[in-house]
Amino acid sequence: MISIPDIPAGSAGQKVRLVAIPRLAQGGRWRVEAMRSLSEPLLLWFTRGQGRITVAGNTRGYGAHNAIFLPPQTMHGFEVSQQVFGTALFFGRDTIADLPSTPLHLRIRDVTPQNELTNLLENIRVETEGTRPGHDRAARHHIGLLSVWLERQALTSADVNRPDAARRLVARFTTLLERDFRSGLGVSDYAQALGVTPTHLTRAARQSCGRSASQLLHDRLLFEARRLLVETRMPVKAVSESLGFTSPAYFTRAFQHGTGKTPTAFRRAG
């Protein structure tokens, strides 16, 4: 039996940085579209284009002037077309800002808060890239103001998610999945830990995000496999073992089915 975890925010050390959203997909769209999580908070501010984003097993459409906040260890993935633009703010793992503890999807319809957020992000960018005395402290203060902006928008927005029972169940599933996806556990194990049947869990996942529970699990495994193949020199056998596969041959078949390439070919192309 596995239990619902209390996931820590991660270790300290990584710094604040701003990245244009299209750059996140450099090296392959799988880097943004496949299910994965970060050990630091993330804010996505979309200023152009539209697509679909899945956060904690809940899929919604996004468009221009949508702000999406993701706490650490929140499983997510989103579409990025050539028309999409915006800014991703990575808060770093040592942030001391009082940020939300749950995901937010804010549709900012009024010009004034749109401009406020754009200006806050620009001020953070200037200070994090600057060399003037006190720039680190100034950046922290701007991030503090951003946390206040998020709190106010969450309180006043009529479009903040109020998840139903199915979405709450799938959010709990993705929390477990994020902790234990390397363990080799199957959907039936997660369903048992959540006190439901595998059929009920799969039905809830399809209702919440249009994918089965098994598809969410495999997508998370495939992201991690691709990341390890591209970013490390771990042998394929070691990658397979680290992700809980029973054999390298089974891992190769599953990887090729999901990506169209063998692990070796994918590493070579990357």
Protein backbone atom coordinates (compact mmCIF):
# COMPACT_ATOMS: atom_id res chain seq x y z
CA MET A 1 0.00 0.00 0.00
CA ILE A 2 1.24 3.50 -0.83
CA SER A 3 0.14 6.61 1.04
CA ILE A 4 -0.67 10.16 0.04
CA PRO A 5 2.64 12.06 0.31
CA ASP A 6 3.53 15.47 1.63
CA ILE A 7 5.99 16.52 -1.06
CA PRO A 8 8.79 18.92 -0.09
CA ALA A 9 9.58 21.98 -2.12
CA GLY A 10 13.04 20.78 -3.10
CA SER A 11 16.54 21.79 -2.18
CA ALA A 12 17.87 25.32 -2.37
CA GLY A 13 20.21 26.76 -4.91
CA GLN A 14 18.49 27.40 -8.21
CA LYS A 15 18.02 31.08 -9.07
CA VAL A 16 15.17 33.12 -10.48
CA ARG A 17 15.09 33.36 -14.26
CA LEU A 18 12.70 34.42 -17.01
CA VAL A 19 12.43 32.52 -20.29
CA ALA A 20 10.35 33.19 -23.39
CA ILE A 21 7.77 30.40 -23.55
CA PRO A 22 8.69 29.28 -27.12
CA ARG A 23 12.26 28.64 -25.92
CA LEU A 24 10.98 26.01 -23.52
CA ALA A 25 10.27 23.73 -26.48
CA GLN A 26 13.79 23.95 -27.89
CA GLY A 27 15.18 20.47 -28.22
CA GLY A 28 11.73 18.97 -28.82
CA ARG A 29 8.11 19.77 -28.07
CA TRP A 30 8.09 16.81 -25.69
CA ARG A 31 9.90 19.08 -23.24
CA VAL A 32 6.68 21.05 -22.69
CA GLU A 33 3.92 18.74 -23.91
CA ALA A 34 4.76 15.56 -21.94
CA MET A 35 3.72 15.24 -18.31
CA ARG A 36 6.46 16.35 -15.92
CA SER A 37 7.04 18.50 -12.83
CA LEU A 38 9.59 20.94 -11.45
CA SER A 39 11.22 21.26 -8.05
CA GLU A 40 10.52 25.01 -8.04
CA PRO A 41 7.43 27.22 -8.54
CA LEU A 42 6.62 28.34 -12.09
CA LEU A 43 4.44 31.10 -13.51
CA LEU A 44 3.37 31.00 -17.17
CA TRP A 45 2.10 34.30 -18.61
CA PHE A 46 0.64 33.78 -22.07
CA THR A 47 0.33 36.96 -24.12
CA ARG A 48 -0.45 35.50 -27.56
CA GLY A 49 -1.88 32.31 -29.04
CA GLN A 50 -3.89 29.51 -27.52
CA GLY A 51 -3.72 25.82 -26.71
CA ARG A 52 -4.50 23.27 -24.03
CA ILE A 53 -2.74 22.77 -20.72
CA THR A 54 -3.00 19.88 -18.29
CA VAL A 55 -2.29 20.68 -14.64
CA ALA A 56 -2.57 17.96 -11.99
CA GLY A 57 -4.64 15.88 -14.39
CA ASN A 58 -7.04 18.72 -15.26
CA THR A 59 -7.05 19.85 -18.89
CA ARG A 60 -8.26 23.32 -19.85
CA GLY A 61 -7.83 25.66 -22.77
CA TYR A 62 -5.56 28.68 -22.42
CA GLY A 63 -5.28 31.85 -24.45
CA ALA A 64 -3.82 35.32 -24.42
CA HIS A 65 -3.68 36.99 -21.01
CA ASN A 66 -3.85 33.74 -19.08
CA ALA A 67 -1.60 33.45 -16.02
CA ILE A 68 -0.97 29.92 -14.77
CA PHE A 69 0.86 29.35 -11.49
CA LEU A 70 2.31 25.93 -10.69
CA PRO A 71 3.63 25.07 -7.21
CA PRO A 72 6.64 22.74 -7.00
CA GLN A 73 6.06 19.08 -7.94
CA THR A 74 2.84 19.85 -9.86
CA MET A 75 2.56 17.51 -12.82
CA HIS A 76 1.78 19.44 -16.00
CA GLY A 77 2.20 19.67 -19.75
CA PHE A 78 0.94 22.10 -22.38
CA GLU A 79 0.74 22.65 -26.12
CA VAL A 80 2.98 25.27 -27.74
CA SER A 81 2.24 26.22 -31.34
CA GLN A 82 4.16 28.74 -33.43
CA GLN A 83 1.52 31.35 -32.55
CA VAL A 84 2.04 31.05 -28.79
CA PHE A 85 4.15 33.60 -26.97
CA GLY A 86 4.63 34.70 -23.40
CA THR A 87 6.98 34.51 -20.44
CA ALA A 88 7.84 31.71 -18.04
CA LEU A 89 9.08 32.81 -14.61
CA PHE A 90 11.03 30.15 -12.73
CA PHE A 91 11.15 31.24 -9.09
CA GLY A 92 14.10 29.08 -8.06
CA ARG A 93 14.14 26.47 -5.34
CA ASP A 94 15.23 28.88 -2.61
CA THR A 95 12.48 31.46 -3.05
CA ILE A 96 11.14 32.90 0.19
CA ALA A 97 8.09 34.54 -1.39
CA ASP A 98 4.68 33.66 0.06
CA LEU A 99 3.40 31.96 -3.08
CA PRO A 100 0.15 29.99 -3.52
CA SER A 101 0.22 26.36 -2.39
CA THR A 102 -2.22 25.19 -5.09
CA PRO A 103 -2.23 25.67 -8.88
CA LEU A 104 -3.98 28.72 -10.33
CA HIS A 105 -5.36 29.30 -13.82
CA LEU A 106 -6.26 32.99 -14.09
CA ARG A 107 -7.89 34.54 -17.15
CA ILE A 108 -6.95 38.21 -16.83
CA ARG A 109 -9.58 40.13 -18.78
CA ASP A 110 -8.96 43.69 -17.54
CA VAL A 111 -6.15 45.81 -18.93
CA THR A 112 -4.99 47.16 -15.55
CA PRO A 113 -3.98 43.80 -13.99
CA GLN A 114 -2.57 42.71 -17.36
CA ASN A 115 -0.24 45.70 -17.33
CA GLU A 116 0.58 45.18 -13.65
CA LEU A 117 1.78 41.64 -14.30
CA THR A 118 3.72 42.59 -17.42
CA ASN A 119 5.47 45.40 -15.52
CA LEU A 120 6.25 43.15 -12.54
CA LEU A 121 7.85 40.55 -14.81
CA GLU A 122 9.88 43.22 -16.59
CA ASN A 123 11.08 44.64 -13.26
CA ILE A 124 12.11 41.16 -12.11
CA ARG A 125 13.94 40.59 -15.39
CA VAL A 126 15.83 43.90 -15.11
CA GLU A 127 16.93 43.20 -11.54
CA THR A 128 17.88 39.54 -12.05
CA GLU A 129 19.97 40.44 -15.09
CA GLY A 130 21.38 43.61 -13.57
CA THR A 131 24.51 44.49 -11.64
CA ARG A 132 23.38 47.58 -9.75
CA PRO A 133 23.84 47.56 -5.98
CA GLY A 134 20.98 45.74 -4.26
CA HIS A 135 19.66 44.11 -7.44
CA ASP A 136 19.11 40.75 -5.70
CA ARG A 137 17.15 42.41 -2.91
CA ALA A 138 15.15 44.46 -5.42
CA ALA A 139 14.27 41.29 -7.36
CA ARG A 140 13.04 39.65 -4.15
CA HIS A 141 10.81 42.62 -3.40
CA HIS A 142 9.31 42.54 -6.89
CA ILE A 143 8.66 38.80 -6.48
CA GLY A 144 6.95 39.60 -3.19
CA LEU A 145 4.70 42.09 -5.01
CA LEU A 146 4.00 39.40 -7.61
CA SER A 147 2.87 37.02 -4.87
CA VAL A 148 0.43 39.71 -3.70
CA TRP A 149 -0.79 40.16 -7.29
CA LEU A 150 -1.47 36.41 -7.53
CA GLU A 151 -3.34 36.41 -4.22
CA ARG A 152 -5.53 39.32 -5.28
CA GLN A 153 -6.33 37.86 -8.67
CA ALA A 154 -7.19 34.50 -7.13
CA LEU A 155 -9.61 36.22 -4.75
CA THR A 156 -11.31 38.35 -7.41
CA SER A 157 -11.29 36.04 -10.42
CA ALA A 158 -14.59 34.27 -11.13
CA ASP A 159 -12.72 31.80 -13.32
CA VAL A 160 -10.53 30.17 -10.69
CA ASN A 161 -10.89 26.39 -10.78
CA ARG A 162 -13.36 24.83 -8.35
CA PRO A 163 -12.71 21.18 -9.05
CA ASP A 164 -15.44 18.55 -8.87
CA ALA A 165 -14.97 15.12 -7.29
CA ALA A 166 -13.44 13.57 -10.41
CA ARG A 167 -10.88 16.35 -10.78
CA ARG A 168 -10.00 16.19 -7.10
CA LEU A 169 -9.42 12.44 -7.41
CA VAL A 170 -7.21 12.84 -10.47
CA ALA A 171 -5.25 15.63 -8.77
CA ARG A 172 -4.55 13.23 -5.87
CA PHE A 173 -3.57 10.57 -8.39
CA THR A 174 -1.07 12.86 -10.11
CA THR A 175 0.44 13.76 -6.73
CA LEU A 176 1.02 10.09 -6.01
CA LEU A 177 2.18 9.49 -9.56
CA GLU A 178 4.74 12.28 -9.36
CA ARG A 179 6.22 10.76 -6.24
CA ASP A 180 6.18 7.10 -7.27
CA PHE A 181 6.34 6.90 -11.08
CA ARG A 182 9.86 5.42 -10.89
CA SER A 183 8.71 2.54 -8.70
CA GLY A 184 7.17 0.28 -11.34
CA LEU A 185 3.71 0.56 -9.76
CA GLY A 186 0.71 0.18 -12.03
CA VAL A 187 -2.64 1.93 -12.18
CA SER A 188 -4.22 -0.72 -9.94
CA ASP A 189 -1.68 0.09 -7.20
CA TYR A 190 -2.48 3.80 -7.36
CA ALA A 191 -6.21 3.10 -7.41
CA GLN A 192 -5.89 0.94 -4.30
CA ALA A 193 -3.99 3.69 -2.49
CA LEU A 194 -6.74 6.15 -3.41
CA GLY A 195 -9.51 3.81 -2.30
CA VAL A 196 -11.14 3.42 -5.72
CA THR A 197 -11.21 0.83 -8.47
CA PRO A 198 -8.91 1.11 -11.49
CA THR A 199 -12.00 1.51 -13.66
CA HIS A 200 -13.25 4.44 -11.58
CA LEU A 201 -9.83 6.10 -11.61
CA THR A 202 -9.56 5.73 -15.39
CA ARG A 203 -13.09 7.09 -15.85
CA ALA A 204 -12.28 10.11 -13.69
CA ALA A 205 -9.03 10.74 -15.60
CA ARG A 206 -10.82 10.64 -18.94
CA GLN A 207 -13.44 13.05 -17.63
CA SER A 208 -10.82 15.40 -16.21
CA CYS A 209 -8.23 15.48 -18.99
CA GLY A 210 -9.32 13.24 -21.84
CA ARG A 211 -6.66 10.61 -21.08
CA SER A 212 -6.72 7.38 -19.16
CA ALA A 213 -4.83 6.94 -15.90
CA SER A 214 -2.48 4.57 -17.74
CA GLN A 215 -1.77 7.20 -20.40
CA LEU A 216 -0.85 9.76 -17.74
CA LEU A 217 1.51 7.25 -16.13
CA HIS A 218 3.18 6.31 -19.41
CA ASP A 219 3.50 9.95 -20.50
CA ARG A 220 5.27 10.82 -17.25
CA LEU A 221 7.63 7.85 -17.64
CA LEU A 222 8.39 8.74 -21.25
CA PHE A 223 9.27 12.33 -20.38
CA GLU A 224 11.72 11.19 -17.72
CA ALA A 225 13.20 8.57 -20.05
CA ARG A 226 13.75 11.13 -22.81
CA ARG A 227 15.24 13.60 -20.35
CA LEU A 228 17.71 11.04 -19.00
CA LEU A 229 18.68 9.89 -22.48
CA VAL A 230 19.34 13.45 -23.68
CA GLU A 231 20.76 15.08 -20.56
CA THR A 232 22.83 12.24 -19.05
CA ARG A 233 25.19 9.48 -20.16
CA MET A 234 23.35 6.78 -18.23
CA PRO A 235 23.34 3.48 -20.16
CA VAL A 236 19.94 2.48 -21.52
CA LYS A 237 19.84 -0.41 -19.05
CA ALA A 238 20.39 1.99 -16.14
CA VAL A 239 17.66 4.33 -17.43
CA SER A 240 15.31 1.36 -17.63
CA GLU A 241 16.10 0.25 -14.10
CA SER A 242 15.80 3.78 -12.68
CA LEU A 243 12.24 4.02 -14.03
CA GLY A 244 11.07 0.69 -12.66
CA PHE A 245 10.90 -1.31 -15.89
CA THR A 246 11.25 -5.07 -15.43
CA SER A 247 13.77 -5.41 -18.27
CA PRO A 248 15.66 -3.26 -20.82
CA ALA A 249 13.82 -5.08 -23.62
CA TYR A 250 10.42 -4.11 -22.19
CA PHE A 251 11.63 -0.54 -21.73
CA THR A 252 12.82 -0.40 -25.34
CA ARG A 253 9.47 -1.67 -26.64
CA ALA A 254 7.50 0.78 -24.51
CA PHE A 255 9.77 3.69 -25.47
CA GLN A 256 9.61 2.89 -29.18
CA HIS A 257 5.82 2.53 -29.03
CA GLY A 258 5.51 5.94 -27.37
CA THR A 259 8.08 7.90 -29.38
CA GLY A 260 8.60 6.02 -32.64
CA LYS A 261 12.31 5.57 -31.89
CA THR A 262 14.42 3.20 -29.86
CA PRO A 263 16.15 4.73 -26.83
CA THR A 264 19.51 4.52 -28.61
CA ALA A 265 18.19 6.20 -31.76
CA PHE A 266 16.49 8.93 -29.70
CA ARG A 267 19.72 9.65 -27.81
CA ARG A 268 21.68 9.79 -31.04
CA ALA A 269 19.18 12.22 -32.62
CA GLY A 270 19.17 14.43 -29.55
